[in-house]
Each structure stands twice: as C-alpha cells, then as structure tokens.
Protein backbone atom coordinates (compact mmCIF):
# COMPACT_ATOMS: atom_id res chain seq x y z
CA MET A 1 -18.49 -12.84 4.71
CA LEU A 2 -19.25 -10.02 2.23
CA LEU A 3 -19.80 -7.55 5.09
CA ARG A 4 -16.45 -8.49 6.66
CA THR A 5 -14.69 -8.15 3.29
CA LEU A 6 -16.21 -4.71 2.75
CA THR A 7 -15.34 -3.70 6.31
CA GLY A 8 -11.79 -4.84 5.60
CA ALA A 9 -11.74 -2.73 2.43
CA ALA A 10 -12.83 0.33 4.43
CA ALA A 11 -10.23 -0.45 7.10
CA GLY A 12 -7.64 -0.75 4.30
CA ALA A 13 -8.64 2.71 3.06
CA ALA A 14 -8.05 4.07 6.57
CA GLY A 15 -4.72 2.25 6.68
CA THR A 16 -3.78 3.73 3.31
CA THR A 17 -4.50 7.21 4.64
CA ALA A 18 -2.25 6.52 7.62
CA LEU A 19 0.51 5.15 5.35
CA ASN A 20 0.32 8.28 3.18
CA ALA A 21 0.40 10.55 6.25
CA VAL A 22 3.51 8.82 7.62
CA THR A 23 5.18 8.94 4.21
CA TYR A 24 4.45 12.64 3.72
CA ALA A 25 5.55 13.44 7.27
CA ASP A 26 8.83 11.64 6.59
CA MET A 27 9.27 13.64 3.38
CA ALA A 28 8.59 16.88 5.24
CA LEU A 29 10.91 16.04 8.14
CA ARG A 30 13.83 14.76 6.09
CA GLY A 31 13.30 16.96 3.04
CA ARG A 32 13.31 13.96 0.73
CA GLY A 33 11.49 13.90 -2.58
CA ALA A 34 8.58 11.74 -3.54
CA SER A 35 9.34 8.33 -4.99
CA SER A 36 9.02 7.95 -8.73
CA ALA A 37 8.39 4.21 -8.29
CA PRO A 38 4.56 4.35 -8.57
CA ALA A 39 4.77 6.28 -11.85
CA ASP A 40 7.54 3.94 -13.01
CA VAL A 41 5.19 0.98 -12.40
CA VAL A 42 2.54 2.67 -14.54
CA ASP A 43 5.09 3.31 -17.29
CA ALA A 44 6.33 -0.29 -17.19
CA LEU A 45 2.80 -1.69 -17.27
CA SER A 46 1.95 0.65 -20.13
CA ASP A 47 4.99 -0.56 -22.08
CA ARG A 48 4.21 -4.23 -21.44
CA THR A 49 0.50 -4.03 -22.24
CA ASP A 50 0.57 -1.53 -25.09
CA VAL A 51 -2.04 0.52 -23.19
CA ALA A 52 -0.84 4.07 -23.59
CA VAL A 53 -0.90 6.70 -20.88
CA PRO A 54 -2.49 9.63 -22.74
CA GLY A 55 -0.61 12.84 -23.35
CA THR A 56 2.97 13.89 -23.84
CA GLY A 57 5.68 15.48 -21.73
CA GLU A 58 4.62 16.87 -18.39
CA THR A 59 0.93 16.03 -18.94
CA ARG A 60 1.73 12.37 -19.48
CA ALA A 61 4.16 12.31 -16.53
CA ASN A 62 1.50 13.85 -14.28
CA ARG A 63 -1.05 11.25 -15.41
CA ALA A 64 1.40 8.43 -14.71
CA ALA A 65 2.10 9.88 -11.24
CA GLY A 66 -1.64 10.14 -10.53
CA MET A 67 -2.27 6.60 -11.78
CA GLY A 68 0.62 5.33 -9.66
CA ALA A 69 -0.91 6.91 -6.56
CA LEU A 70 -4.28 5.37 -7.43
CA LEU A 71 -2.62 1.94 -7.79
CA GLY A 72 -1.21 2.38 -4.30
CA MET A 73 -4.64 3.21 -2.94
CA ALA A 74 -6.14 0.22 -4.74
CA THR A 75 -3.45 -2.01 -3.22
CA GLY A 76 -4.27 -0.72 0.27
CA VAL A 77 -8.00 -1.25 -0.15
CA ALA A 78 -7.45 -4.72 -1.68
CA VAL A 79 -5.14 -5.84 1.14
CA GLY A 80 -7.72 -4.56 3.63
CA ALA A 81 -10.45 -6.53 1.83
CA CYS A 82 -8.24 -9.64 2.05
CA TYR A 83 -7.80 -8.93 5.77
CA GLY A 84 -11.58 -8.81 6.20
CA LEU A 85 -11.99 -12.01 4.19
CA ALA A 86 -9.35 -13.75 6.28
CA ARG A 87 -11.07 -12.63 9.49
CA ALA A 88 -14.42 -13.85 8.12
CA SER A 89 -12.78 -17.19 7.34
CA GLY A 90 -11.64 -17.75 10.91
CA TRP A 91 -8.20 -16.11 11.11
CA ARG A 92 -8.02 -14.71 14.65
CA PRO A 93 -4.53 -13.49 15.57
CA ALA A 94 -3.93 -10.84 18.19
CA VAL A 95 -4.06 -7.32 16.75
CA PRO A 96 -0.26 -6.80 16.89
CA VAL A 97 0.31 -10.02 14.93
CA ALA A 98 -2.45 -9.12 12.48
CA ALA A 99 -0.96 -5.64 12.09
CA VAL A 100 2.50 -6.96 11.20
CA ALA A 101 1.11 -9.60 8.82
CA THR A 102 -1.14 -7.05 7.12
CA GLY A 103 1.62 -4.45 6.87
CA VAL A 104 4.00 -6.98 5.36
CA ALA A 105 1.29 -8.09 2.90
CA ALA A 106 0.77 -4.48 1.81
CA MET A 107 4.52 -3.98 1.49
CA ALA A 108 4.75 -7.09 -0.69
CA GLY A 109 1.80 -5.82 -2.72
CA SER A 110 3.82 -2.78 -3.70
CA ASP A 111 7.39 -4.09 -3.67
CA VAL A 112 6.93 -7.39 -5.51
CA PRO A 113 5.51 -5.74 -8.65
CA MET A 114 8.35 -3.19 -8.60
CA ALA A 115 10.89 -6.01 -8.40
CA ALA A 116 9.10 -8.09 -11.05
CA LEU A 117 9.04 -5.09 -13.41
CA ALA A 118 12.76 -4.40 -12.69
CA ILE A 119 11.95 -0.96 -11.27
CA SER A 120 13.62 -1.59 -7.95
CA ASP A 121 15.65 -4.43 -6.49
CA PRO A 122 15.06 -4.71 -2.74
CA ARG A 123 18.16 -6.91 -2.44
CA GLY A 124 20.22 -3.76 -2.99
CA TRP A 125 18.34 -1.54 -0.55
CA THR A 126 20.16 0.05 2.36
CA PRO A 127 18.86 -0.31 5.92
CA SER A 128 17.53 3.25 5.60
CA ASP A 129 15.66 2.30 2.41
CA TRP A 130 14.09 -0.67 4.20
CA LEU A 131 13.00 1.47 7.16
CA THR A 132 11.59 4.13 4.83
CA ASP A 133 9.43 1.41 3.24
CA LEU A 134 8.72 -0.72 6.31
CA VAL A 135 7.57 1.88 8.84
CA PRO A 136 4.66 3.30 6.79
CA HIS A 137 3.54 -0.23 5.89
CA LEU A 138 3.57 -1.31 9.54
CA VAL A 139 1.50 1.78 10.38
CA TYR A 140 -0.85 0.74 7.55
CA GLY A 141 -1.16 -2.73 9.08
CA LEU A 142 -1.81 -1.39 12.57
CA VAL A 143 -4.47 1.08 11.45
CA THR A 144 -6.13 -1.47 9.15
CA ALA A 145 -6.31 -4.12 11.89
CA ALA A 146 -7.43 -1.66 14.57
CA VAL A 147 -10.13 -0.07 12.42
CA PHE A 148 -11.45 -3.48 11.40
CA GLU A 149 -11.57 -4.65 15.01
CA LEU A 150 -13.29 -1.45 16.15
CA ALA A 151 -15.78 -1.58 13.28
CA THR A 152 -16.72 -5.17 14.04
CA GLY A 153 -17.02 -4.60 17.77
CA ARG A 154 -14.00 -6.66 18.73
CA GLY A 155 -11.81 -3.70 19.65
CA ARG A 156 -13.96 -2.49 22.54
C-alpha cells in the first residue's frame, strides 16, 4: 500500500508538470497573465492564521507567489498519492474514468479552498473561465493515471 501511495505521489508530480505546461502554453498562446489566485490563497491563509509572509512590498508579494505555486504542487502530489492509495485499496476504473475523476479531484483541491476563502466564486465563472481551469486539470488527471498505470505495469 505504501509503495502504491508513493507511486501515486510521483505520478501526481508528473501530472502537475503537465498541468503547468498546459497552463503556461495557454498563457503564451492567448497572451493572458498569470493568475493571482495562488498568492491570494497564501495571503488569506496568512491573515487567518496570523502566520506572516516575511518581507514587505515586492519581496513579500514574490514570496506569496512562490508559496502559492508550491501549494499547487503540493496539491498535485497529494491528489496523486490519494490516487495511488485508492488503487491500492481496490479502485480499478478504466484509465479514462480514473483520469476524469483524478482531474476533477485536483480541480476541487484548488478551487474549493479559493471559494471557501472568498478569493473566487466559481458560480460566477464564464464558460471560458471554466475551460481555462478544467482543461489543465483533465490533463493532470490523464497524466497522473497513465504514469501510475505505466509505473505499476498495468499500462503495458
């Protein structure tokens, strides 16, 4: 079970890399800026926990942005670990089903905290906003599931 969980974590790291690549490609193609949401999560958590982000001005903003990116990576690795744990516990869907479920879980892992912290309200998102969020998370799910299956010998 531990080996499958760790394999899932590694697959989640691969999925996170794919998610980031799709996101950055979208930014490059459409000329859109990076989201401030990850840094906003760090700021909100800092405010609620009285754990300060060190620095002032641009230095503090850069730290919050870096911490936000690290939280995203941690979410991806954690969802991958949960995928591995689920597979070790007997969950055996087809890879496309696993990919969608895992992608949606990762999306919830980032969007639910943003909604709970009142940073973003998905109920007000446009269809374009939803696609911008959904597509990279589905790619995450596909890569995570595929890498796990390949690493455990089931994808051959």
